Amino acid sequence: GEVMVKEFIRRSMNQVELKSLNPDC
């Protein structure tokens, strides 16, 4: 149920990598 706004970096078979917009997060 968590909703987040991120920058999409890459997606593989095992994981999705998202970059935070706030440098402190």
mmCIF file of all heavy atoms, coordinates in Angstrom:
data_MODEL
# 
_entry.id   MODEL 
# 
loop_
_atom_site.group_PDB 
_atom_site.id 
_atom_site.type_symbol 
_atom_site.label_atom_id 
_atom_site.label_alt_id 
_atom_site.label_comp_id 
_atom_site.label_asym_id 
_atom_site.label_entity_id 
_atom_site.label_seq_id 
_atom_site.pdbx_PDB_ins_code 
_atom_site.Cartn_x 
_atom_site.Cartn_y 
_atom_site.Cartn_z 
_atom_site.occupancy 
_atom_site.B_iso_or_equiv 
_atom_site.pdbx_formal_charge 
_atom_site.auth_seq_id 
_atom_site.auth_comp_id 
_atom_site.auth_asym_id 
_atom_site.auth_atom_id 
_atom_site.pdbx_PDB_model_num 
ATOM 1   N N   . GLY A 1 1  ? 0.781  -1.227  0.000   1.00 0.00 ? 1  GLY A N   1 
ATOM 2   C CA  . GLY A 1 1  ? 0.000  0.000   0.000   1.00 0.00 ? 1  GLY A CA  1 
ATOM 3   C C   . GLY A 1 1  ? 0.809  1.270   0.000   1.00 0.00 ? 1  GLY A C   1 
ATOM 4   O O   . GLY A 1 1  ? 0.247  2.372   -0.082  1.00 0.00 ? 1  GLY A O   1 
ATOM 5   N N   . GLU A 1 2  ? 2.117  1.180   0.083   1.00 0.00 ? 2  GLU A N   1 
ATOM 6   C CA  . GLU A 1 2  ? 2.952  2.377   0.070   1.00 0.00 ? 2  GLU A CA  1 
ATOM 7   C C   . GLU A 1 2  ? 2.990  2.982   -1.332  1.00 0.00 ? 2  GLU A C   1 
ATOM 8   O O   . GLU A 1 2  ? 3.095  2.265   -2.328  1.00 0.00 ? 2  GLU A O   1 
ATOM 9   C CB  . GLU A 1 2  ? 4.374  2.040   0.522   1.00 0.00 ? 2  GLU A CB  1 
ATOM 10  C CG  . GLU A 1 2  ? 5.294  3.257   0.584   1.00 0.00 ? 2  GLU A CG  1 
ATOM 11  C CD  . GLU A 1 2  ? 6.707  2.917   1.007   1.00 0.00 ? 2  GLU A CD  1 
ATOM 12  O OE1 . GLU A 1 2  ? 7.010  1.709   1.186   1.00 0.00 ? 2  GLU A OE1 1 
ATOM 13  O OE2 . GLU A 1 2  ? 7.521  3.847   1.165   1.00 0.00 ? 2  GLU A OE2 1 
ATOM 14  N N   . VAL A 1 3  ? 2.880  4.302   -1.408  1.00 0.00 ? 3  VAL A N   1 
ATOM 15  C CA  . VAL A 1 3  ? 2.969  5.012   -2.687  1.00 0.00 ? 3  VAL A CA  1 
ATOM 16  C C   . VAL A 1 3  ? 4.177  5.936   -2.644  1.00 0.00 ? 3  VAL A C   1 
ATOM 17  O O   . VAL A 1 3  ? 4.368  6.675   -1.676  1.00 0.00 ? 3  VAL A O   1 
ATOM 18  C CB  . VAL A 1 3  ? 1.691  5.824   -2.971  1.00 0.00 ? 3  VAL A CB  1 
ATOM 19  C CG1 . VAL A 1 3  ? 1.882  6.712   -4.196  1.00 0.00 ? 3  VAL A CG1 1 
ATOM 20  C CG2 . VAL A 1 3  ? 0.510  4.893   -3.188  1.00 0.00 ? 3  VAL A CG2 1 
ATOM 21  N N   . MET A 1 4  ? 5.008  5.871   -3.672  1.00 0.00 ? 4  MET A N   1 
ATOM 22  C CA  . MET A 1 4  ? 6.225  6.684   -3.705  1.00 0.00 ? 4  MET A CA  1 
ATOM 23  C C   . MET A 1 4  ? 6.433  7.266   -5.092  1.00 0.00 ? 4  MET A C   1 
ATOM 24  O O   . MET A 1 4  ? 5.992  6.706   -6.100  1.00 0.00 ? 4  MET A O   1 
ATOM 25  C CB  . MET A 1 4  ? 7.434  5.835   -3.293  1.00 0.00 ? 4  MET A CB  1 
ATOM 26  C CG  . MET A 1 4  ? 7.703  4.649   -4.193  1.00 0.00 ? 4  MET A CG  1 
ATOM 27  S SD  . MET A 1 4  ? 8.995  3.527   -3.543  1.00 0.00 ? 4  MET A SD  1 
ATOM 28  C CE  . MET A 1 4  ? 8.044  2.625   -2.303  1.00 0.00 ? 4  MET A CE  1 
ATOM 29  N N   . VAL A 1 5  ? 7.078  8.411   -5.115  1.00 0.00 ? 5  VAL A N   1 
ATOM 30  C CA  . VAL A 1 5  ? 7.457  9.058   -6.375  1.00 0.00 ? 5  VAL A CA  1 
ATOM 31  C C   . VAL A 1 5  ? 8.980  9.009   -6.460  1.00 0.00 ? 5  VAL A C   1 
ATOM 32  O O   . VAL A 1 5  ? 9.674  9.575   -5.616  1.00 0.00 ? 5  VAL A O   1 
ATOM 33  C CB  . VAL A 1 5  ? 6.972  10.509  -6.438  1.00 0.00 ? 5  VAL A CB  1 
ATOM 34  C CG1 . VAL A 1 5  ? 7.301  11.108  -7.804  1.00 0.00 ? 5  VAL A CG1 1 
ATOM 35  C CG2 . VAL A 1 5  ? 5.489  10.596  -6.155  1.00 0.00 ? 5  VAL A CG2 1 
ATOM 36  N N   . LYS A 1 6  ? 9.490  8.331   -7.476  1.00 0.00 ? 6  LYS A N   1 
ATOM 37  C CA  . LYS A 1 6  ? 10.925 8.133   -7.618  1.00 0.00 ? 6  LYS A CA  1 
ATOM 38  C C   . LYS A 1 6  ? 11.333 8.289   -9.083  1.00 0.00 ? 6  LYS A C   1 
ATOM 39  O O   . LYS A 1 6  ? 10.497 8.425   -9.976  1.00 0.00 ? 6  LYS A O   1 
ATOM 40  C CB  . LYS A 1 6  ? 11.329 6.733   -7.132  1.00 0.00 ? 6  LYS A CB  1 
ATOM 41  C CG  . LYS A 1 6  ? 10.894 6.382   -5.712  1.00 0.00 ? 6  LYS A CG  1 
ATOM 42  C CD  . LYS A 1 6  ? 11.692 7.127   -4.665  1.00 0.00 ? 6  LYS A CD  1 
ATOM 43  C CE  . LYS A 1 6  ? 11.292 6.688   -3.263  1.00 0.00 ? 6  LYS A CE  1 
ATOM 44  N NZ  . LYS A 1 6  ? 12.015 7.454   -2.216  1.00 0.00 ? 6  LYS A NZ  1 
ATOM 45  N N   . GLU A 1 7  ? 12.628 8.225   -9.315  1.00 0.00 ? 7  GLU A N   1 
ATOM 46  C CA  . GLU A 1 7  ? 13.163 8.173   -10.676 1.00 0.00 ? 7  GLU A CA  1 
ATOM 47  C C   . GLU A 1 7  ? 13.477 6.719   -11.019 1.00 0.00 ? 7  GLU A C   1 
ATOM 48  O O   . GLU A 1 7  ? 14.154 6.035   -10.264 1.00 0.00 ? 7  GLU A O   1 
ATOM 49  C CB  . GLU A 1 7  ? 14.428 9.017   -10.794 1.00 0.00 ? 7  GLU A CB  1 
ATOM 50  C CG  . GLU A 1 7  ? 15.042 8.995   -12.196 1.00 0.00 ? 7  GLU A CG  1 
ATOM 51  C CD  . GLU A 1 7  ? 16.307 9.828   -12.291 1.00 0.00 ? 7  GLU A CD  1 
ATOM 52  O OE1 . GLU A 1 7  ? 16.417 10.816  -11.540 1.00 0.00 ? 7  GLU A OE1 1 
ATOM 53  O OE2 . GLU A 1 7  ? 17.183 9.471   -13.103 1.00 0.00 ? 7  GLU A OE2 1 
ATOM 54  N N   . PHE A 1 8  ? 12.944 6.273   -12.147 1.00 0.00 ? 8  PHE A N   1 
ATOM 55  C CA  . PHE A 1 8  ? 13.159 4.890   -12.572 1.00 0.00 ? 8  PHE A CA  1 
ATOM 56  C C   . PHE A 1 8  ? 14.579 4.735   -13.117 1.00 0.00 ? 8  PHE A C   1 
ATOM 57  O O   . PHE A 1 8  ? 15.002 5.481   -14.000 1.00 0.00 ? 8  PHE A O   1 
ATOM 58  C CB  . PHE A 1 8  ? 12.139 4.502   -13.648 1.00 0.00 ? 8  PHE A CB  1 
ATOM 59  C CG  . PHE A 1 8  ? 12.287 3.095   -14.150 1.00 0.00 ? 8  PHE A CG  1 
ATOM 60  C CD1 . PHE A 1 8  ? 11.757 2.028   -13.440 1.00 0.00 ? 8  PHE A CD1 1 
ATOM 61  C CD2 . PHE A 1 8  ? 12.948 2.836   -15.339 1.00 0.00 ? 8  PHE A CD2 1 
ATOM 62  C CE1 . PHE A 1 8  ? 11.899 0.732   -13.908 1.00 0.00 ? 8  PHE A CE1 1 
ATOM 63  C CE2 . PHE A 1 8  ? 13.087 1.545   -15.817 1.00 0.00 ? 8  PHE A CE2 1 
ATOM 64  C CZ  . PHE A 1 8  ? 12.555 0.490   -15.091 1.00 0.00 ? 8  PHE A CZ  1 
ATOM 65  N N   . ILE A 1 9  ? 15.309 3.765   -12.574 1.00 0.00 ? 9  ILE A N   1 
ATOM 66  C CA  . ILE A 1 9  ? 16.674 3.517   -13.020 1.00 0.00 ? 9  ILE A CA  1 
ATOM 67  C C   . ILE A 1 9  ? 16.761 2.279   -13.904 1.00 0.00 ? 9  ILE A C   1 
ATOM 68  O O   . ILE A 1 9  ? 17.189 2.347   -15.045 1.00 0.00 ? 9  ILE A O   1 
ATOM 69  C CB  . ILE A 1 9  ? 17.628 3.363   -11.815 1.00 0.00 ? 9  ILE A CB  1 
ATOM 70  C CG1 . ILE A 1 9  ? 17.579 4.633   -10.945 1.00 0.00 ? 9  ILE A CG1 1 
ATOM 71  C CG2 . ILE A 1 9  ? 19.059 3.107   -12.292 1.00 0.00 ? 9  ILE A CG2 1 
ATOM 72  C CD1 . ILE A 1 9  ? 17.966 5.896   -11.667 1.00 0.00 ? 9  ILE A CD1 1 
ATOM 73  N N   . ARG A 1 10 ? 16.347 1.138   -13.365 1.00 0.00 ? 10 ARG A N   1 
ATOM 74  C CA  . ARG A 1 10 ? 16.390 -0.083  -14.182 1.00 0.00 ? 10 ARG A CA  1 
ATOM 75  C C   . ARG A 1 10 ? 15.501 -1.147  -13.565 1.00 0.00 ? 10 ARG A C   1 
ATOM 76  O O   . ARG A 1 10 ? 15.141 -1.091  -12.392 1.00 0.00 ? 10 ARG A O   1 
ATOM 77  C CB  . ARG A 1 10 ? 17.819 -0.606  -14.311 1.00 0.00 ? 10 ARG A CB  1 
ATOM 78  C CG  . ARG A 1 10 ? 18.477 -1.014  -13.010 1.00 0.00 ? 10 ARG A CG  1 
ATOM 79  C CD  . ARG A 1 10 ? 19.867 -1.600  -13.258 1.00 0.00 ? 10 ARG A CD  1 
ATOM 80  N NE  . ARG A 1 10 ? 20.741 -0.638  -13.900 1.00 0.00 ? 10 ARG A NE  1 
ATOM 81  C CZ  . ARG A 1 10 ? 21.446 0.266   -13.238 1.00 0.00 ? 10 ARG A CZ  1 
ATOM 82  N NH1 . ARG A 1 10 ? 21.361 0.335   -11.913 1.00 0.00 ? 10 ARG A NH1 1 
ATOM 83  N NH2 . ARG A 1 10 ? 22.228 1.106   -13.860 1.00 0.00 ? 10 ARG A NH2 1 
ATOM 84  N N   . ARG A 1 11 ? 15.174 -2.117  -14.406 1.00 0.00 ? 11 ARG A N   1 
ATOM 85  C CA  . ARG A 1 11 ? 14.371 -3.257  -13.963 1.00 0.00 ? 11 ARG A CA  1 
ATOM 86  C C   . ARG A 1 11 ? 15.001 -4.531  -14.500 1.00 0.00 ? 11 ARG A C   1 
ATOM 87  O O   . ARG A 1 11 ? 15.342 -4.627  -15.676 1.00 0.00 ? 11 ARG A O   1 
ATOM 88  C CB  . ARG A 1 11 ? 12.937 -3.125  -14.485 1.00 0.00 ? 11 ARG A CB  1 
ATOM 89  C CG  . ARG A 1 11 ? 12.002 -4.245  -14.007 1.00 0.00 ? 11 ARG A CG  1 
ATOM 90  C CD  . ARG A 1 11 ? 10.631 -4.121  -14.656 1.00 0.00 ? 11 ARG A CD  1 
ATOM 91  N NE  . ARG A 1 11 ? 9.690  -5.055  -14.058 1.00 0.00 ? 11 ARG A NE  1 
ATOM 92  C CZ  . ARG A 1 11 ? 8.584  -4.718  -13.435 1.00 0.00 ? 11 ARG A CZ  1 
ATOM 93  N NH1 . ARG A 1 11 ? 8.271  -3.432  -13.319 1.00 0.00 ? 11 ARG A NH1 1 
ATOM 94  N NH2 . ARG A 1 11 ? 7.779  -5.616  -12.923 1.00 0.00 ? 11 ARG A NH2 1 
ATOM 95  N N   . SER A 1 12 ? 15.156 -5.522  -13.634 1.00 0.00 ? 12 SER A N   1 
ATOM 96  C CA  . SER A 1 12 ? 15.677 -6.824  -14.027 1.00 0.00 ? 12 SER A CA  1 
ATOM 97  C C   . SER A 1 12 ? 14.669 -7.887  -13.620 1.00 0.00 ? 12 SER A C   1 
ATOM 98  O O   . SER A 1 12 ? 13.586 -7.580  -13.125 1.00 0.00 ? 12 SER A O   1 
ATOM 99  C CB  . SER A 1 12 ? 17.030 -7.086  -13.351 1.00 0.00 ? 12 SER A CB  1 
ATOM 100 O OG  . SER A 1 12 ? 16.865 -7.222  -11.946 1.00 0.00 ? 12 SER A OG  1 
ATOM 101 N N   . MET A 1 13 ? 15.033 -9.130  -13.807 1.00 0.00 ? 13 MET A N   1 
ATOM 102 C CA  . MET A 1 13 ? 14.147 -10.223 -13.425 1.00 0.00 ? 13 MET A CA  1 
ATOM 103 C C   . MET A 1 13 ? 13.920 -10.256 -11.917 1.00 0.00 ? 13 MET A C   1 
ATOM 104 O O   . MET A 1 13 ? 12.859 -10.669 -11.440 1.00 0.00 ? 13 MET A O   1 
ATOM 105 C CB  . MET A 1 13 ? 14.743 -11.562 -13.870 1.00 0.00 ? 13 MET A CB  1 
ATOM 106 C CG  . MET A 1 13 ? 14.781 -11.748 -15.370 1.00 0.00 ? 13 MET A CG  1 
ATOM 107 S SD  . MET A 1 13 ? 13.134 -12.037 -16.059 1.00 0.00 ? 13 MET A SD  1 
ATOM 108 C CE  . MET A 1 13 ? 12.796 -13.669 -15.375 1.00 0.00 ? 13 MET A CE  1 
ATOM 109 N N   . ASN A 1 14 ? 14.913 -9.770  -11.166 1.00 0.00 ? 14 ASN A N   1 
ATOM 110 C CA  . ASN A 1 14 ? 14.864 -9.924  -9.708  1.00 0.00 ? 14 ASN A CA  1 
ATOM 111 C C   . ASN A 1 14 ? 14.589 -8.656  -8.928  1.00 0.00 ? 14 ASN A C   1 
ATOM 112 O O   . ASN A 1 14 ? 14.185 -8.721  -7.769  1.00 0.00 ? 14 ASN A O   1 
ATOM 113 C CB  . ASN A 1 14 ? 16.187 -10.520 -9.214  1.00 0.00 ? 14 ASN A CB  1 
ATOM 114 C CG  . ASN A 1 14 ? 16.466 -11.894 -9.809  1.00 0.00 ? 14 ASN A CG  1 
ATOM 115 O OD1 . ASN A 1 14 ? 15.566 -12.719 -9.886  1.00 0.00 ? 14 ASN A OD1 1 
ATOM 116 N ND2 . ASN A 1 14 ? 17.698 -12.116 -10.232 1.00 0.00 ? 14 ASN A ND2 1 
ATOM 117 N N   . GLN A 1 15 ? 14.814 -7.478  -9.546  1.00 0.00 ? 15 GLN A N   1 
ATOM 118 C CA  . GLN A 1 15 ? 14.595 -6.263  -8.777  1.00 0.00 ? 15 GLN A CA  1 
ATOM 119 C C   . GLN A 1 15 ? 14.335 -5.048  -9.666  1.00 0.00 ? 15 GLN A C   1 
ATOM 120 O O   . GLN A 1 15 ? 14.678 -5.038  -10.849 1.00 0.00 ? 15 GLN A O   1 
ATOM 121 C CB  . GLN A 1 15 ? 15.784 -5.973  -7.864  1.00 0.00 ? 15 GLN A CB  1 
ATOM 122 C CG  . GLN A 1 15 ? 17.067 -5.622  -8.580  1.00 0.00 ? 15 GLN A CG  1 
ATOM 123 C CD  . GLN A 1 15 ? 18.226 -5.356  -7.612  1.00 0.00 ? 15 GLN A CD  1 
ATOM 124 O OE1 . GLN A 1 15 ? 18.200 -5.774  -6.472  1.00 0.00 ? 15 GLN A OE1 1 
ATOM 125 N NE2 . GLN A 1 15 ? 19.242 -4.652  -8.090  1.00 0.00 ? 15 GLN A NE2 1 
ATOM 126 N N   . VAL A 1 16 ? 13.726 -4.056  -9.047  1.00 0.00 ? 16 VAL A N   1 
ATOM 127 C CA  . VAL A 1 16 ? 13.485 -2.764  -9.693  1.00 0.00 ? 16 VAL A CA  1 
ATOM 128 C C   . VAL A 1 16 ? 14.214 -1.713  -8.872  1.00 0.00 ? 16 VAL A C   1 
ATOM 129 O O   . VAL A 1 16 ? 14.060 -1.646  -7.651  1.00 0.00 ? 16 VAL A O   1 
ATOM 130 C CB  . VAL A 1 16 ? 11.974 -2.443  -9.741  1.00 0.00 ? 16 VAL A CB  1 
ATOM 131 C CG1 . VAL A 1 16 ? 11.756 -1.043  -10.303 1.00 0.00 ? 16 VAL A CG1 1 
ATOM 132 C CG2 . VAL A 1 16 ? 11.238 -3.482  -10.579 1.00 0.00 ? 16 VAL A CG2 1 
ATOM 133 N N   . GLU A 1 17 ? 15.037 -0.919  -9.546  1.00 0.00 ? 17 GLU A N   1 
ATOM 134 C CA  . GLU A 1 17 ? 15.835 0.095   -8.861  1.00 0.00 ? 17 GLU A CA  1 
ATOM 135 C C   . GLU A 1 17 ? 15.221 1.470   -9.086  1.00 0.00 ? 17 GLU A C   1 
ATOM 136 O O   . GLU A 1 17 ? 14.995 1.886   -10.220 1.00 0.00 ? 17 GLU A O   1 
ATOM 137 C CB  . GLU A 1 17 ? 17.274 0.074   -9.376  1.00 0.00 ? 17 GLU A CB  1 
ATOM 138 C CG  . GLU A 1 17 ? 18.196 1.052   -8.664  1.00 0.00 ? 17 GLU A CG  1 
ATOM 139 C CD  . GLU A 1 17 ? 19.625 0.978   -9.154  1.00 0.00 ? 17 GLU A CD  1 
ATOM 140 O OE1 . GLU A 1 17 ? 19.951 0.009   -9.883  1.00 0.00 ? 17 GLU A OE1 1 
ATOM 141 O OE2 . GLU A 1 17 ? 20.412 1.891   -8.816  1.00 0.00 ? 17 GLU A OE2 1 
ATOM 142 N N   . LEU A 1 18 ? 14.959 2.184   -7.988  1.00 0.00 ? 18 LEU A N   1 
ATOM 143 C CA  . LEU A 1 18 ? 14.363 3.509   -8.039  1.00 0.00 ? 18 LEU A CA  1 
ATOM 144 C C   . LEU A 1 18 ? 15.244 4.488   -7.269  1.00 0.00 ? 18 LEU A C   1 
ATOM 145 O O   . LEU A 1 18 ? 15.713 4.178   -6.177  1.00 0.00 ? 18 LEU A O   1 
ATOM 146 C CB  . LEU A 1 18 ? 12.959 3.497   -7.429  1.00 0.00 ? 18 LEU A CB  1 
ATOM 147 C CG  . LEU A 1 18 ? 11.945 2.525   -8.053  1.00 0.00 ? 18 LEU A CG  1 
ATOM 148 C CD1 . LEU A 1 18 ? 10.667 2.499   -7.229  1.00 0.00 ? 18 LEU A CD1 1 
ATOM 149 C CD2 . LEU A 1 18 ? 11.640 2.904   -9.495  1.00 0.00 ? 18 LEU A CD2 1 
ATOM 150 N N   . LYS A 1 19 ? 15.440 5.667   -7.841  1.00 0.00 ? 19 LYS A N   1 
ATOM 151 C CA  . LYS A 1 19 ? 16.272 6.690   -7.210  1.00 0.00 ? 19 LYS A CA  1 
ATOM 152 C C   . LYS A 1 19 ? 15.390 7.731   -6.545  1.00 0.00 ? 19 LYS A C   1 
ATOM 153 O O   . LYS A 1 19 ? 14.431 8.231   -7.151  1.00 0.00 ? 19 LYS A O   1 
ATOM 154 C CB  . LYS A 1 19 ? 17.168 7.365   -8.252  1.00 0.00 ? 19 LYS A CB  1 
ATOM 155 C CG  . LYS A 1 19 ? 18.084 8.431   -7.688  1.00 0.00 ? 19 LYS A CG  1 
ATOM 156 C CD  . LYS A 1 19 ? 18.942 9.049   -8.786  1.00 0.00 ? 19 LYS A CD  1 
ATOM 157 C CE  . LYS A 1 19 ? 19.845 10.138  -8.239  1.00 0.00 ? 19 LYS A CE  1 
ATOM 158 N NZ  . LYS A 1 19 ? 20.681 10.744  -9.307  1.00 0.00 ? 19 LYS A NZ  1 
ATOM 159 N N   . SER A 1 20 ? 15.697 8.092   -5.311  1.00 0.00 ? 20 SER A N   1 
ATOM 160 C CA  . SER A 1 20 ? 14.921 9.095   -4.585  1.00 0.00 ? 20 SER A CA  1 
ATOM 161 C C   . SER A 1 20 ? 15.169 10.485  -5.155  1.00 0.00 ? 20 SER A C   1 
ATOM 162 O O   . SER A 1 20 ? 16.285 10.814  -5.568  1.00 0.00 ? 20 SER A O   1 
ATOM 163 C CB  . SER A 1 20 ? 15.272 9.073   -3.098  1.00 0.00 ? 20 SER A CB  1 
ATOM 164 O OG  . SER A 1 20 ? 14.813 7.879   -2.494  1.00 0.00 ? 20 SER A OG  1 
ATOM 165 N N   . LEU A 1 21 ? 14.122 11.305  -5.178  1.00 0.00 ? 21 LEU A N   1 
ATOM 166 C CA  . LEU A 1 21 ? 14.233 12.668  -5.685  1.00 0.00 ? 21 LEU A CA  1 
ATOM 167 C C   . LEU A 1 21 ? 14.884 13.583  -4.654  1.00 0.00 ? 21 LEU A C   1 
ATOM 168 O O   . LEU A 1 21 ? 15.548 14.553  -5.006  1.00 0.00 ? 21 LEU A O   1 
ATOM 169 C CB  . LEU A 1 21 ? 12.848 13.202  -6.058  1.00 0.00 ? 21 LEU A CB  1 
ATOM 170 C CG  . LEU A 1 21 ? 12.040 12.346  -7.040  1.00 0.00 ? 21 LEU A CG  1 
ATOM 171 C CD1 . LEU A 1 21 ? 10.731 13.027  -7.379  1.00 0.00 ? 21 LEU A CD1 1 
ATOM 172 C CD2 . LEU A 1 21 ? 12.832 12.074  -8.310  1.00 0.00 ? 21 LEU A CD2 1 
ATOM 173 N N   . ASN A 1 22 ? 14.667 13.272  -3.386  1.00 0.00 ? 22 ASN A N   1 
ATOM 174 C CA  . ASN A 1 22 ? 15.272 14.044  -2.304  1.00 0.00 ? 22 ASN A CA  1 
ATOM 175 C C   . ASN A 1 22 ? 16.626 13.433  -1.968  1.00 0.00 ? 22 ASN A C   1 
ATOM 176 O O   . ASN A 1 22 ? 16.709 12.259  -1.613  1.00 0.00 ? 22 ASN A O   1 
ATOM 177 C CB  . ASN A 1 22 ? 14.350 14.005  -1.075  1.00 0.00 ? 22 ASN A CB  1 
ATOM 178 C CG  . ASN A 1 22 ? 14.826 14.915  0.043   1.00 0.00 ? 22 ASN A CG  1 
ATOM 179 O OD1 . ASN A 1 22 ? 16.017 15.097  0.244   1.00 0.00 ? 22 ASN A OD1 1 
ATOM 180 N ND2 . ASN A 1 22 ? 13.886 15.487  0.781   1.00 0.00 ? 22 ASN A ND2 1 
ATOM 181 N N   . PRO A 1 23 ? 17.713 14.184  -2.091  1.00 0.00 ? 23 PRO A N   1 
ATOM 182 C CA  . PRO A 1 23 ? 19.050 13.624  -1.842  1.00 0.00 ? 23 PRO A CA  1 
ATOM 183 C C   . PRO A 1 23 ? 19.245 13.122  -0.414  1.00 0.00 ? 23 PRO A C   1 
ATOM 184 O O   . PRO A 1 23 ? 20.168 12.354  -0.151  1.00 0.00 ? 23 PRO A O   1 
ATOM 185 C CB  . PRO A 1 23 ? 19.988 14.794  -2.157  1.00 0.00 ? 23 PRO A CB  1 
ATOM 186 C CG  . PRO A 1 23 ? 19.139 16.015  -2.036  1.00 0.00 ? 23 PRO A CG  1 
ATOM 187 C CD  . PRO A 1 23 ? 17.770 15.605  -2.470  1.00 0.00 ? 23 PRO A CD  1 
ATOM 188 N N   . ASP A 1 24 ? 18.366 13.537  0.499   1.00 0.00 ? 24 ASP A N   1 
ATOM 189 C CA  . ASP A 1 24 ? 18.481 13.085  1.885   1.00 0.00 ? 24 ASP A CA  1 
ATOM 190 C C   . ASP A 1 24 ? 17.788 11.745  2.127   1.00 0.00 ? 24 ASP A C   1 
ATOM 191 O O   . ASP A 1 24 ? 17.898 11.177  3.220   1.00 0.00 ? 24 ASP A O   1 
ATOM 192 C CB  . ASP A 1 24 ? 17.880 14.132  2.837   1.00 0.00 ? 24 ASP A CB  1 
ATOM 193 C CG  . ASP A 1 24 ? 18.669 15.431  2.827   1.00 0.00 ? 24 ASP A CG  1 
ATOM 194 O OD1 . ASP A 1 24 ? 19.896 15.372  2.597   1.00 0.00 ? 24 ASP A OD1 1 
ATOM 195 O OD2 . ASP A 1 24 ? 18.058 16.496  3.040   1.00 0.00 ? 24 ASP A OD2 1 
ATOM 196 N N   . CYS A 1 25 ? 17.071 11.254  1.119   1.00 0.00 ? 25 CYS A N   1 
ATOM 197 C CA  . CYS A 1 25 ? 16.349 9.984   1.255   1.00 0.00 ? 25 CYS A CA  1 
ATOM 198 C C   . CYS A 1 25 ? 17.095 8.872   0.513   1.00 0.00 ? 25 CYS A C   1 
ATOM 199 O O   . CYS A 1 25 ? 17.773 9.123   -0.488  1.00 0.00 ? 25 CYS A O   1 
ATOM 200 C CB  . CYS A 1 25 ? 14.927 10.108  0.705   1.00 0.00 ? 25 CYS A CB  1 
ATOM 201 S SG  . CYS A 1 25 ? 13.894 11.278  1.604   1.00 0.00 ? 25 CYS A SG  1 
# 
